[in-house]
C-alpha atoms as a PDB file:
ATOM      1  CA  MET A   1      72.531  30.787   3.607  1.00  0.00           C
ATOM      2  CA  ASP A   2      69.769  31.665   1.206  1.00  0.00           C
ATOM      3  CA  ARG A   3      66.602  31.194   3.337  1.00  0.00           C
ATOM      4  CA  PHE A   4      64.359  30.579   0.541  1.00  0.00           C
ATOM      5  CA  ASP A   5      66.629  27.787  -0.952  1.00  0.00           C
ATOM      6  CA  ALA A   6      66.965  26.341   2.424  1.00  0.00           C
ATOM      7  CA  MET A   7      63.190  26.208   2.934  1.00  0.00           C
ATOM      8  CA  GLN A   8      62.610  24.764  -0.474  1.00  0.00           C
ATOM      9  CA  ALA A   9      65.374  21.970   0.176  1.00  0.00           C
ATOM     10  CA  PHE A  10      63.696  21.191   3.355  1.00  0.00           C
ATOM     11  CA  ALA A  11      60.267  20.888   1.935  1.00  0.00           C
ATOM     12  CA  ARG A  12      61.543  18.672  -0.938  1.00  0.00           C
ATOM     13  CA  VAL A  13      63.438  16.445   1.604  1.00  0.00           C
ATOM     14  CA  VAL A  14      60.254  16.097   3.613  1.00  0.00           C
ATOM     15  CA  GLU A  15      57.997  15.227   0.453  1.00  0.00           C
ATOM     16  CA  ALA A  16      60.639  12.848  -1.162  1.00  0.00           C
ATOM     17  CA  GLY A  17      61.668  11.122   2.072  1.00  0.00           C
ATOM     18  CA  SER A  18      65.301  11.203   0.765  1.00  0.00           C
ATOM     19  CA  PHE A  19      68.125  13.772   0.462  1.00  0.00           C
ATOM     20  CA  THR A  20      69.245  12.127  -2.846  1.00  0.00           C
ATOM     21  CA  LYS A  21      65.718  12.345  -4.319  1.00  0.00           C
ATOM     22  CA  ALA A  22      65.148  15.831  -3.300  1.00  0.00           C
ATOM     23  CA  ALA A  23      68.711  16.841  -4.743  1.00  0.00           C
ATOM     24  CA  GLU A  24      67.660  15.173  -8.098  1.00  0.00           C
ATOM     25  CA  THR A  25      64.314  17.032  -8.325  1.00  0.00           C
ATOM     26  CA  LEU A  26      65.932  20.496  -7.316  1.00  0.00           C
ATOM     27  CA  HIS A  27      68.809  19.783  -9.627  1.00  0.00           C
ATOM     28  CA  MET A  28      71.241  20.218  -6.785  1.00  0.00           C
ATOM     29  CA  SER A  29      73.929  18.103  -5.409  1.00  0.00           C
ATOM     30  CA  LYS A  30      73.136  16.059  -2.360  1.00  0.00           C
ATOM     31  CA  THR A  31      75.895  17.933  -0.588  1.00  0.00           C
ATOM     32  CA  THR A  32      74.277  21.210  -1.207  1.00  0.00           C
ATOM     33  CA  VAL A  33      70.825  20.102  -0.087  1.00  0.00           C
ATOM     34  CA  THR A  34      72.179  18.588   3.144  1.00  0.00           C
ATOM     35  CA  GLN A  35      74.179  21.763   3.957  1.00  0.00           C
ATOM     36  CA  LEU A  36      71.073  23.870   3.262  1.00  0.00           C
ATOM     37  CA  VAL A  37      68.918  21.685   5.741  1.00  0.00           C
ATOM     38  CA  GLN A  38      71.898  21.794   8.405  1.00  0.00           C
ATOM     39  CA  GLN A  39      72.174  25.398   8.167  1.00  0.00           C
ATOM     40  CA  LEU A  40      68.401  25.859   8.602  1.00  0.00           C
ATOM     41  CA  GLU A  41      68.356  23.671  11.616  1.00  0.00           C
ATOM     42  CA  ALA A  42      71.321  25.521  13.103  1.00  0.00           C
ATOM     43  CA  ARG A  43      69.472  29.000  12.515  1.00  0.00           C
ATOM     44  CA  LEU A  44      66.207  27.604  14.116  1.00  0.00           C
ATOM     45  CA  ARG A  45      68.150  25.620  16.742  1.00  0.00           C
ATOM     46  CA  VAL A  46      65.589  22.796  16.172  1.00  0.00           C
ATOM     47  CA  ARG A  47      66.098  19.394  14.735  1.00  0.00           C
ATOM     48  CA  LEU A  48      63.781  19.164  11.740  1.00  0.00           C
ATOM     49  CA  LEU A  49      64.727  15.828  10.511  1.00  0.00           C
ATOM     50  CA  ASN A  50      65.707  12.331  12.099  1.00  0.00           C
ATOM     51  CA  ARG A  51      68.421  10.828   9.702  1.00  0.00           C
ATOM     52  CA  THR A  52      69.506   7.167   9.513  1.00  0.00           C
ATOM     53  CA  THR A  53      71.334   5.242   6.828  1.00  0.00           C
ATOM     54  CA  ARG A  54      68.038   4.077   5.594  1.00  0.00           C
ATOM     55  CA  GLN A  55      65.468   6.752   5.927  1.00  0.00           C
ATOM     56  CA  VAL A  56      64.824  10.461   6.656  1.00  0.00           C
ATOM     57  CA  LYS A  57      61.674  11.193   9.236  1.00  0.00           C
ATOM     58  CA  VAL A  58      60.361  14.469   9.906  1.00  0.00           C
ATOM     59  CA  THR A  59      60.298  15.378  13.589  1.00  0.00           C
ATOM     60  CA  ALA A  60      57.347  16.756  15.264  1.00  0.00           C
ATOM     61  CA  ASP A  61      58.966  20.420  15.201  1.00  0.00           C
ATOM     62  CA  GLY A  62      59.866  19.531  11.530  1.00  0.00           C
ATOM     63  CA  ALA A  63      56.259  18.680  10.640  1.00  0.00           C
ATOM     64  CA  ALA A  64      54.912  21.886  12.102  1.00  0.00           C
ATOM     65  CA  TYR A  65      57.526  23.889  10.244  1.00  0.00           C
ATOM     66  CA  TYR A  66      57.018  22.046   7.025  1.00  0.00           C
ATOM     67  CA  GLU A  67      53.219  23.296   7.124  1.00  0.00           C
ATOM     68  CA  ARG A  68      54.390  26.812   7.653  1.00  0.00           C
ATOM     69  CA  VAL A  69      57.172  26.495   5.032  1.00  0.00           C
ATOM     70  CA  LEU A  70      54.330  25.432   2.282  1.00  0.00           C
ATOM     71  CA  LYS A  71      52.303  28.425   3.076  1.00  0.00           C
ATOM     72  CA  LEU A  72      55.195  30.834   2.881  1.00  0.00           C
ATOM     73  CA  LEU A  73      56.475  29.343  -0.526  1.00  0.00           C
ATOM     74  CA  ALA A  74      52.922  29.483  -1.603  1.00  0.00           C
ATOM     75  CA  ASP A  75      52.599  33.245  -0.535  1.00  0.00           C
ATOM     76  CA  MET A  76      55.925  34.011  -2.285  1.00  0.00           C
ATOM     77  CA  ASP A  77      54.579  32.493  -5.554  1.00  0.00           C
ATOM     78  CA  ASP A  78      51.379  34.600  -5.133  1.00  0.00           C
ATOM     79  CA  ALA A  79      53.393  37.711  -4.503  1.00  0.00           C
ATOM     80  CA  GLU A  80      55.231  37.169  -7.801  1.00  0.00           C
ATOM     81  CA  THR A  81      52.205  36.383  -9.767  1.00  0.00           C
ATOM     82  CA  SER A  82      50.156  38.949  -8.410  1.00  0.00           C
ATOM     83  CA  LEU A  83      52.117  41.637 -10.224  1.00  0.00           C
ATOM     84  CA  SER A  84      50.282  42.644 -13.344  1.00  0.00           C
ATOM     85  CA  ALA A  85      52.911  41.334 -15.745  1.00  0.00           C
ATOM     86  CA  ALA A  86      53.350  37.883 -14.050  1.00  0.00           C
ATOM     87  CA  SER A  87      49.502  37.552 -13.964  1.00  0.00           C
ATOM     88  CA  ALA A  88      49.293  38.346 -17.493  1.00  0.00           C
ATOM     89  CA  SER A  89      52.168  36.039 -18.510  1.00  0.00           C
ATOM     90  CA  PRO A  90      52.758  33.255 -16.065  1.00  0.00           C
ATOM     91  CA  ARG A  91      56.080  32.004 -16.159  1.00  0.00           C
ATOM     92  CA  GLY A  92      58.404  29.172 -14.664  1.00  0.00           C
ATOM     93  CA  ARG A  93      59.120  25.528 -15.125  1.00  0.00           C
ATOM     94  CA  LEU A  94      55.949  23.051 -14.946  1.00  0.00           C
ATOM     95  CA  ARG A  95      56.822  19.288 -14.479  1.00  0.00           C
ATOM     96  CA  VAL A  96      53.909  17.260 -15.683  1.00  0.00           C
ATOM     97  CA  ASP A  97      53.351  13.495 -16.653  1.00  0.00           C
ATOM     98  CA  VAL A  98      50.969  12.332 -19.125  1.00  0.00           C
ATOM     99  CA  PRO A  99      50.061   9.048 -21.141  1.00  0.00           C
ATOM    100  CA  SER A 100      52.413   8.565 -24.083  1.00  0.00           C
ATOM    101  CA  PRO A 101      49.492   8.283 -26.587  1.00  0.00           C
ATOM    102  CA  LEU A 102      47.742  11.351 -25.280  1.00  0.00           C
ATOM    103  CA  ALA A 103      51.177  13.218 -25.602  1.00  0.00           C
ATOM    104  CA  ARG A 104      51.697  12.201 -29.055  1.00  0.00           C
ATOM    105  CA  MET A 105      48.410  12.398 -30.589  1.00  0.00           C
ATOM    106  CA  VAL A 106      46.792  15.351 -28.714  1.00  0.00           C
ATOM    107  CA  LEU A 107      48.841  17.406 -26.283  1.00  0.00           C
ATOM    108  CA  ILE A 108      51.998  17.895 -28.137  1.00  0.00           C
ATOM    109  CA  PRO A 109      50.258  18.823 -31.528  1.00  0.00           C
ATOM    110  CA  ALA A 110      48.168  21.455 -29.764  1.00  0.00           C
ATOM    111  CA  LEU A 111      51.218  22.912 -27.711  1.00  0.00           C
ATOM    112  CA  PRO A 112      52.221  25.610 -30.227  1.00  0.00           C
ATOM    113  CA  ALA A 113      49.037  27.561 -29.588  1.00  0.00           C
ATOM    114  CA  PHE A 114      49.740  26.948 -25.847  1.00  0.00           C
ATOM    115  CA  HIS A 115      53.193  28.381 -26.011  1.00  0.00           C
ATOM    116  CA  ALA A 116      52.010  31.261 -28.208  1.00  0.00           C
ATOM    117  CA  GLN A 117      49.650  32.293 -25.444  1.00  0.00           C
ATOM    118  CA  TYR A 118      51.967  31.630 -22.409  1.00  0.00           C
ATOM    119  CA  PRO A 119      55.641  31.863 -24.085  1.00  0.00           C
ATOM    120  CA  ASP A 120      57.359  32.043 -20.549  1.00  0.00           C
ATOM    121  CA  ILE A 121      56.070  28.553 -19.183  1.00  0.00           C
ATOM    122  CA  GLN A 122      58.666  25.741 -19.552  1.00  0.00           C
ATOM    123  CA  LEU A 123      57.125  22.287 -19.733  1.00  0.00           C
ATOM    124  CA  ASP A 124      59.227  19.297 -18.642  1.00  0.00           C
ATOM    125  CA  MET A 125      56.717  16.538 -19.842  1.00  0.00           C
ATOM    126  CA  GLY A 126      57.193  12.982 -18.964  1.00  0.00           C
ATOM    127  CA  ALA A 127      55.233  10.869 -21.656  1.00  0.00           C
ATOM    128  CA  SER A 128      54.675   7.347 -20.189  1.00  0.00           C
ATOM    129  CA  ASP A 129      52.057   5.108 -18.862  1.00  0.00           C
ATOM    130  CA  ARG A 130      53.959   4.126 -15.594  1.00  0.00           C
ATOM    131  CA  ILE A 131      52.552   5.238 -12.437  1.00  0.00           C
ATOM    132  CA  VAL A 132      54.338   8.351 -11.147  1.00  0.00           C
ATOM    133  CA  ASP A 133      54.813   9.139  -7.514  1.00  0.00           C
ATOM    134  CA  VAL A 134      53.814  12.655  -7.733  1.00  0.00           C
ATOM    135  CA  ILE A 135      55.244  14.003  -4.467  1.00  0.00           C
ATOM    136  CA  ALA A 136      58.419  11.994  -4.441  1.00  0.00           C
ATOM    137  CA  GLU A 137      59.252  12.950  -8.145  1.00  0.00           C
ATOM    138  CA  ASN A 138      58.222  16.590  -7.576  1.00  0.00           C
ATOM    139  CA  VAL A 139      55.766  16.446 -10.397  1.00  0.00           C
ATOM    140  CA  ASP A 140      53.332  19.307 -10.645  1.00  0.00           C
ATOM    141  CA  CYS A 141      50.382  17.167 -11.985  1.00  0.00           C
ATOM    142  CA  VAL A 142      49.743  13.875 -14.013  1.00  0.00           C
ATOM    143  CA  VAL A 143      47.051  13.249 -16.339  1.00  0.00           C
ATOM    144  CA  ARG A 144      45.742   9.617 -16.116  1.00  0.00           C
ATOM    145  CA  GLY A 145      43.030   7.354 -17.702  1.00  0.00           C
ATOM    146  CA  GLY A 146      41.209   5.061 -15.404  1.00  0.00           C
ATOM    147  CA  GLU A 147      39.951   5.416 -11.792  1.00  0.00           C
ATOM    148  CA  LEU A 148      42.412   7.368  -9.569  1.00  0.00           C
ATOM    149  CA  THR A 149      43.916   4.943  -6.925  1.00  0.00           C
ATOM    150  CA  ASP A 150      45.641   7.458  -5.102  1.00  0.00           C
ATOM    151  CA  LEU A 151      42.760   9.060  -3.167  1.00  0.00           C
ATOM    152  CA  SER A 152      45.359  11.361  -1.345  1.00  0.00           C
ATOM    153  CA  LEU A 153      45.967  13.364  -4.343  1.00  0.00           C
ATOM    154  CA  MET A 154      43.690  16.347  -5.450  1.00  0.00           C
ATOM    155  CA  ALA A 155      41.898  15.620  -8.590  1.00  0.00           C
ATOM    156  CA  ARG A 156      39.874  17.103 -11.430  1.00  0.00           C
ATOM    157  CA  ARG A 157      38.088  14.909 -14.118  1.00  0.00           C
ATOM    158  CA  VAL A 158      38.688  16.420 -17.292  1.00  0.00           C
ATOM    159  CA  GLY A 159      37.150  13.877 -19.763  1.00  0.00           C
ATOM    160  CA  ASP A 160      35.689  10.590 -20.525  1.00  0.00           C
ATOM    161  CA  LEU A 161      37.352   8.432 -23.040  1.00  0.00           C
ATOM    162  CA  GLN A 162      34.900   6.582 -25.315  1.00  0.00           C
ATOM    163  CA  LEU A 163      36.321   3.198 -25.913  1.00  0.00           C
ATOM    164  CA  GLY A 164      35.711   0.669 -28.989  1.00  0.00           C
ATOM    165  CA  VAL A 165      37.041  -2.525 -30.430  1.00  0.00           C
ATOM    166  CA  TYR A 166      39.106  -2.582 -33.438  1.00  0.00           C
ATOM    167  CA  ALA A 167      41.410  -4.905 -35.656  1.00  0.00           C
ATOM    168  CA  ALA A 168      43.763  -4.364 -38.479  1.00  0.00           C
ATOM    169  CA  PRO A 169      42.740  -5.754 -41.993  1.00  0.00           C
ATOM    170  CA  SER A 170      45.604  -7.986 -42.133  1.00  0.00           C
ATOM    171  CA  TYR A 171      44.503  -9.529 -38.785  1.00  0.00           C
ATOM    172  CA  LEU A 172      41.005 -10.036 -39.953  1.00  0.00           C
ATOM    173  CA  ALA A 173      42.059 -11.515 -43.178  1.00  0.00           C
ATOM    174  CA  ARG A 174      43.960 -14.171 -41.196  1.00  0.00           C
ATOM    175  CA  ALA A 175      41.638 -14.762 -38.471  1.00  0.00           C
ATOM    176  CA  GLY A 176      38.206 -13.713 -39.691  1.00  0.00           C
ATOM    177  CA  HIS A 177      35.797 -11.380 -38.505  1.00  0.00           C
ATOM    178  CA  PRO A 178      34.392 -12.416 -35.084  1.00  0.00           C
ATOM    179  CA  ALA A 179      30.660 -11.709 -34.937  1.00  0.00           C
ATOM    180  CA  HIS A 180      30.371 -11.977 -31.120  1.00  0.00           C
ATOM    181  CA  PRO A 181      32.853 -10.827 -28.469  1.00  0.00           C
ATOM    182  CA  ARG A 182      33.102 -14.341 -26.937  1.00  0.00           C
ATOM    183  CA  GLU A 183      34.582 -15.646 -30.416  1.00  0.00           C
ATOM    184  CA  LEU A 184      37.695 -13.728 -29.047  1.00  0.00           C
ATOM    185  CA  GLU A 185      38.289 -16.567 -26.587  1.00  0.00           C
ATOM    186  CA  ASP A 186      38.718 -19.256 -29.537  1.00  0.00           C
ATOM    187  CA  THR A 187      41.895 -20.708 -30.180  1.00  0.00           C
ATOM    188  CA  HIS A 188      42.496 -18.832 -33.551  1.00  0.00           C
ATOM    189  CA  HIS A 189      41.821 -15.465 -32.313  1.00  0.00           C
ATOM    190  CA  ARG A 190      44.125 -13.005 -30.628  1.00  0.00           C
ATOM    191  CA  ILE A 191      44.111  -9.739 -28.615  1.00  0.00           C
ATOM    192  CA  VAL A 192      46.870  -7.428 -27.969  1.00  0.00           C
ATOM    193  CA  GLY A 193      47.299  -7.404 -24.344  1.00  0.00           C
ATOM    194  CA  TYR A 194      47.843  -4.337 -22.136  1.00  0.00           C
ATOM    195  CA  LEU A 195      49.638  -4.717 -18.868  1.00  0.00           C
ATOM    196  CA  TRP A 196      48.189  -2.247 -16.395  1.00  0.00           C
ATOM    197  CA  GLN A 197      51.133  -1.188 -14.231  1.00  0.00           C
ATOM    198  CA  ARG A 198      49.220  -1.121 -10.875  1.00  0.00           C
ATOM    199  CA  LEU A 199      48.168  -4.737 -11.561  1.00  0.00           C
ATOM    200  CA  GLY A 200      51.005  -6.041 -13.467  1.00  0.00           C
ATOM    201  CA  LYS A 201      48.788  -7.870 -15.839  1.00  0.00           C
ATOM    202  CA  ALA A 202      46.143  -7.631 -18.435  1.00  0.00           C
ATOM    203  CA  PHE A 203      42.405  -7.520 -17.199  1.00  0.00           C
ATOM    204  CA  PRO A 204      39.239  -8.678 -18.869  1.00  0.00           C
ATOM    205  CA  TYR A 205      37.384  -5.919 -20.974  1.00  0.00           C
ATOM    206  CA  ALA A 206      33.644  -5.658 -20.011  1.00  0.00           C
ATOM    207  CA  MET A 207      31.244  -5.178 -22.919  1.00  0.00           C
ATOM    208  CA  GLN A 208      27.404  -5.069 -22.934  1.00  0.00           C
ATOM    209  CA  ARG A 209      24.450  -5.139 -25.428  1.00  0.00           C
ATOM    210  CA  GLY A 210      20.961  -4.725 -23.933  1.00  0.00           C
ATOM    211  CA  ASP A 211      20.815  -7.367 -21.033  1.00  0.00           C
ATOM    212  CA  GLU A 212      23.654  -9.413 -22.301  1.00  0.00           C
ATOM    213  CA  SER A 213      27.094  -8.652 -20.881  1.00  0.00           C
ATOM    214  CA  VAL A 214      30.377 -10.410 -21.163  1.00  0.00           C
ATOM    215  CA  HIS A 215      33.970 -10.055 -19.922  1.00  0.00           C
ATOM    216  CA  VAL A 216      36.599 -10.893 -22.593  1.00  0.00           C
ATOM    217  CA  HIS A 217      39.805 -12.148 -21.530  1.00  0.00           C
ATOM    218  CA  GLY A 218      41.272 -13.326 -24.762  1.00  0.00           C
ATOM    219  CA  ARG A 219      44.631 -14.950 -25.692  1.00  0.00           C
ATOM    220  CA  TYR A 220      47.628 -12.807 -26.876  1.00  0.00           C
ATOM    221  CA  VAL A 221      51.036 -13.353 -28.390  1.00  0.00           C
ATOM    222  CA  LEU A 222      52.094  -9.824 -27.116  1.00  0.00           C
ATOM    223  CA  ALA A 223      51.336  -7.852 -24.203  1.00  0.00           C
ATOM    224  CA  VAL A 224      52.748  -4.347 -23.563  1.00  0.00           C
ATOM    225  CA  ASP A 225      52.771  -1.641 -20.917  1.00  0.00           C
ATOM    226  CA  ASP A 226      52.793   1.369 -23.274  1.00  0.00           C
ATOM    227  CA  GLY A 227      50.079   2.686 -25.197  1.00  0.00           C
ATOM    228  CA  ASN A 228      52.011   3.528 -28.220  1.00  0.00           C
ATOM    229  CA  ALA A 229      53.357   0.181 -28.419  1.00  0.00           C
ATOM    230  CA  TYR A 230      49.878  -1.289 -27.902  1.00  0.00           C
ATOM    231  CA  LEU A 231      48.694   0.629 -30.817  1.00  0.00           C
ATOM    232  CA  ALA A 232      51.593  -0.346 -33.155  1.00  0.00           C
ATOM    233  CA  ALA A 233      50.986  -3.917 -32.394  1.00  0.00           C
ATOM    234  CA  GLY A 234      47.454  -3.847 -33.493  1.00  0.00           C
ATOM    235  CA  LEU A 235      48.290  -2.053 -36.674  1.00  0.00           C
ATOM    236  CA  ALA A 236      50.765  -4.645 -37.210  1.00  0.00           C
ATOM    237  CA  GLY A 237      48.069  -7.229 -37.126  1.00  0.00           C
ATOM    238  CA  LEU A 238      48.938  -8.949 -33.812  1.00  0.00           C
ATOM    239  CA  GLY A 239      45.430  -8.880 -32.346  1.00  0.00           C
ATOM    240  CA  VAL A 240      42.249  -7.129 -31.521  1.00  0.00           C
ATOM    241  CA  LEU A 241      42.596  -3.670 -29.639  1.00  0.00           C
ATOM    242  CA  TRP A 242      40.518  -1.865 -27.200  1.00  0.00           C
ATOM    243  CA  LEU A 243      40.980   1.863 -27.869  1.00  0.00           C
ATOM    244  CA  PRO A 244      39.926   5.259 -26.951  1.00  0.00           C
ATOM    245  CA  GLU A 245      38.284   7.055 -29.946  1.00  0.00           C
ATOM    246  CA  TYR A 246      40.876   9.569 -30.337  1.00  0.00           C
ATOM    247  CA  MET A 247      43.435   6.952 -30.820  1.00  0.00           C
ATOM    248  CA  ALA A 248      41.527   4.927 -33.265  1.00  0.00           C
ATOM    249  CA  GLN A 249      40.018   7.791 -35.405  1.00  0.00           C
ATOM    250  CA  PRO A 250      42.981   8.726 -37.569  1.00  0.00           C
ATOM    251  CA  HIS A 251      43.568   4.971 -38.592  1.00  0.00           C
ATOM    252  CA  LEU A 252      39.853   4.348 -39.277  1.00  0.00           C
ATOM    253  CA  ALA A 253      40.050   7.180 -41.681  1.00  0.00           C
ATOM    254  CA  THR A 254      43.060   5.428 -43.557  1.00  0.00           C
ATOM    255  CA  GLY A 255      41.575   2.000 -43.276  1.00  0.00           C
ATOM    256  CA  GLU A 256      44.421   0.824 -40.993  1.00  0.00           C
ATOM    257  CA  LEU A 257      41.820  -0.204 -38.402  1.00  0.00           C
ATOM    258  CA  GLN A 258      38.297  -1.609 -38.665  1.00  0.00           C
ATOM    259  CA  PRO A 259      35.681  -1.495 -35.982  1.00  0.00           C
ATOM    260  CA  LEU A 260      34.230  -4.292 -34.293  1.00  0.00           C
ATOM    261  CA  PHE A 261      30.929  -5.139 -32.466  1.00  0.00           C
ATOM    262  CA  GLN A 262      29.655  -1.737 -32.966  1.00  0.00           C
ATOM    263  CA  ASP A 263      26.272  -2.742 -31.399  1.00  0.00           C
ATOM    264  CA  TRP A 264      27.993  -3.477 -28.061  1.00  0.00           C
ATOM    265  CA  ARG A 265      28.677  -0.717 -25.489  1.00  0.00           C
ATOM    266  CA  LEU A 266      31.914  -0.510 -23.474  1.00  0.00           C
ATOM    267  CA  GLU A 267      31.894   1.710 -20.232  1.00  0.00           C
ATOM    268  CA  SER A 268      33.850   5.007 -20.836  1.00  0.00           C
ATOM    269  CA  MET A 269      37.235   5.574 -18.877  1.00  0.00           C
ATOM    270  CA  PRO A 270      37.571   8.658 -17.030  1.00  0.00           C
ATOM    271  CA  LEU A 271      40.485  11.013 -17.747  1.00  0.00           C
ATOM    272  CA  THR A 272      41.814  12.681 -14.660  1.00  0.00           C
ATOM    273  CA  ILE A 273      44.317  15.545 -13.690  1.00  0.00           C
ATOM    274  CA  ALA A 274      45.765  15.000 -10.274  1.00  0.00           C
ATOM    275  CA  PHE A 275      48.232  17.047  -8.082  1.00  0.00           C
ATOM    276  CA  PRO A 276      49.651  16.915  -4.651  1.00  0.00           C
ATOM    277  CA  PRO A 277      47.135  18.123  -1.962  1.00  0.00           C
ATOM    278  CA  ASN A 278      49.739  20.443   0.021  1.00  0.00           C
ATOM    279  CA  ARG A 279      51.096  21.922  -3.176  1.00  0.00           C
ATOM    280  CA  HIS A 280      50.089  25.446  -4.010  1.00  0.00           C
ATOM    281  CA  VAL A 281      48.129  25.596  -7.389  1.00  0.00           C
ATOM    282  CA  SER A 282      50.143  28.386  -9.152  1.00  0.00           C
ATOM    283  CA  THR A 283      49.142  30.378 -11.949  1.00  0.00           C
ATOM    284  CA  LYS A 284      51.175  28.459 -14.369  1.00  0.00           C
ATOM    285  CA  LEU A 285      49.647  24.997 -13.296  1.00  0.00           C
ATOM    286  CA  ARG A 286      46.005  26.614 -13.230  1.00  0.00           C
ATOM    287  CA  VAL A 287      46.391  27.846 -16.843  1.00  0.00           C
ATOM    288  CA  PHE A 288      47.750  24.249 -17.971  1.00  0.00           C
ATOM    289  CA  ILE A 289      44.896  22.554 -16.224  1.00  0.00           C
ATOM    290  CA  ASP A 290      42.401  24.924 -17.856  1.00  0.00           C
ATOM    291  CA  TRP A 291      44.081  24.271 -21.324  1.00  0.00           C
ATOM    292  CA  VAL A 292      43.867  20.597 -20.853  1.00  0.00           C
ATOM    293  CA  VAL A 293      40.155  20.754 -19.929  1.00  0.00           C
ATOM    294  CA  ALA A 294      39.463  22.850 -23.002  1.00  0.00           C
ATOM    295  CA  LEU A 295      41.412  20.423 -25.225  1.00  0.00           C
ATOM    296  CA  MET A 296      39.649  17.169 -23.723  1.00  0.00           C
ATOM    297  CA  GLY A 297      36.168  18.867 -24.714  1.00  0.00           C
ATOM    298  CA  GLN A 298      37.164  18.548 -28.184  1.00  0.00           C
ATOM    299  CA  TYR A 299      38.558  14.948 -27.965  1.00  0.00           C
ATOM    300  CA  ALA A 300      36.982  13.324 -24.952  1.00  0.00           C
ATOM    301  CA  PRO A 301      33.972  15.472 -23.700  1.00  0.00           C
ATOM    302  CA  LEU A 302      32.694  14.473 -20.259  1.00  0.00           C
ATOM    303  CA  ALA A 303      29.706  12.086 -20.606  1.00  0.00           C
ATOM    304  CA  ALA A 304      28.095  12.999 -17.401  1.00  0.00           C
ATOM    305  CA  PRO A 305      28.579  15.401 -14.414  1.00  0.00           C
ATOM    306  CA  PRO A 306      31.680  14.018 -12.636  1.00  0.00           C
ATOM    307  CA  PRO A 307      31.249  12.811  -9.009  1.00  0.00           C
ATOM    308  CA  THR A 308      32.289  15.438  -6.506  1.00  0.00           C
ATOM    309  CA  ARG A 309      36.046  15.573  -5.506  1.00  0.00           C
ATOM    310  CA  PRO A 310      37.936  18.194  -3.715  1.00  0.00           C
ATOM    311  CA  THR A 311      39.755  20.351  -6.221  1.00  0.00           C
END
């Protein structure tokens, strides 16, 4: 039995709550993971996990051992990265998940410079707008827009997305230029709906001008749950869009979008990197986070000092 593999397998089963999910994230067979944990229990002469047909629960001894295992795995990682060569060139696989438009328009175009500096880091990047279970899916970190709902995660605010309202010329030629946000509630106007996964529905957009504030619901013929699809629908003239500036700017420059309600203010959207609270922040994760922070300083600089959160 490889004790390192066994400890790693045990930790992943605890985090994922399932042998099957742990096997998937470790790229092992379920049988291999099961055997490693059984061998570990036999060596320790302690039951670490209670197994039923429906779930896997950690025992009291297993919970105490899990905390020690996390520290041991972190110390092993520190031992490797403390070597001068490893410190100068972080290496290994990093699993991240980011919003699809941010991946397409900002992160991926900038990755050649990142890989030139850190050629030994292998990135597995999920690019979607779905809510990822960071622990169960063994993801090292996620980048998300909006308020972080899972307060059990460690988080670092990396930017503030400035929002604006836009529409394609084809839409404005057909529906006319609205002079006031409330006109978007009229029967002849349409928005493109965005379905927030945590809500399963669109929600109203808050806009303010001086002492006047409105919440725009709007009507739509299409609602989507992906940022790239949302932008494509707006460019096709299917309705009015609420977009971060980094998504809108390239299409403003070409005339594919036109700004609306420029004298109205929309509250900025925080952009956050989150990662598991019990997961060691490895050198490769640290340099990736620092790279994202620097990049967002160009595209979505912090509007104000962020609220204090543990990091």
